[in-house]
Protein backbone atom coordinates (compact mmCIF):
# COMPACT_ATOMS: atom_id res chain seq x y z
CA MET A 1 20.13 -27.72 8.24
CA LYS A 2 16.51 -26.76 7.63
CA THR A 3 15.54 -23.90 5.37
CA SER A 4 12.08 -22.45 5.45
CA VAL A 5 10.16 -21.92 2.25
CA LYS A 6 8.16 -18.71 1.98
CA SER A 7 4.45 -18.96 1.31
CA ASP A 8 2.87 -17.47 -1.82
CA ILE A 9 1.40 -14.60 0.18
CA GLU A 10 4.78 -13.78 1.74
CA ILE A 11 6.43 -13.67 -1.68
CA SER A 12 3.67 -11.50 -3.17
CA GLN A 13 3.76 -9.06 -0.27
CA GLN A 14 7.50 -8.53 -0.80
CA SER A 15 7.11 -7.89 -4.54
CA LYS A 16 6.53 -4.53 -6.19
CA MET A 17 3.96 -4.68 -8.97
CA LYS A 18 4.54 -2.93 -12.26
CA PRO A 19 1.79 -1.39 -14.38
CA ILE A 20 0.49 -3.98 -16.86
CA LEU A 21 0.99 -1.62 -19.82
CA GLU A 22 4.71 -1.48 -19.02
CA ILE A 23 4.88 -5.28 -19.16
CA ALA A 24 2.74 -5.50 -22.31
CA GLU A 25 4.94 -3.01 -24.18
CA LYS A 26 7.98 -5.18 -23.48
CA ILE A 27 6.37 -8.00 -25.49
CA GLY A 28 5.20 -5.74 -28.30
CA LEU A 29 1.59 -5.06 -27.30
CA THR A 30 -0.12 -1.68 -27.21
CA GLU A 31 -2.98 -0.48 -25.03
CA HIS A 32 -5.33 -1.18 -27.96
CA ASP A 33 -4.49 -4.90 -27.69
CA LEU A 34 -5.59 -5.03 -24.05
CA ASP A 35 -8.85 -5.01 -22.09
CA PHE A 36 -7.92 -3.36 -18.79
CA TYR A 37 -9.22 -4.43 -15.39
CA GLY A 38 -7.44 -1.78 -13.34
CA LYS A 39 -3.79 -0.75 -13.39
CA TYR A 40 -2.27 -4.19 -12.82
CA LYS A 41 -4.65 -6.61 -14.52
CA THR A 42 -5.73 -7.07 -18.15
CA LYS A 43 -6.94 -9.50 -20.76
CA ILE A 44 -5.38 -9.68 -24.19
CA SER A 45 -7.92 -9.07 -26.94
CA ASN A 46 -8.83 -11.91 -29.29
CA ASP A 47 -7.83 -9.84 -32.32
CA CYS A 48 -4.27 -9.76 -31.08
CA SER A 49 -3.95 -13.50 -30.48
CA ARG A 50 -5.52 -14.50 -33.81
CA GLY A 51 -3.06 -12.43 -35.80
CA GLY A 52 -0.20 -14.70 -34.84
CA ARG A 53 1.54 -11.96 -32.86
CA LEU A 54 1.58 -13.95 -29.64
CA LYS A 55 3.39 -17.24 -29.21
CA SER A 56 3.29 -19.72 -26.36
CA VAL A 57 6.60 -20.12 -24.63
């Protein structure tokens, strides 16, 4: 029995994006910790990462 594997683009097209601020708040960040590049994309400010608030998982 063969199963087909969906491509990256097929998976992304079936997904519903959430606003990045909603995701950031779940990990304890505020809008002041972020440099926004639209509604769904951001960079985390250096000040936030130096303070030891973020951890690699």
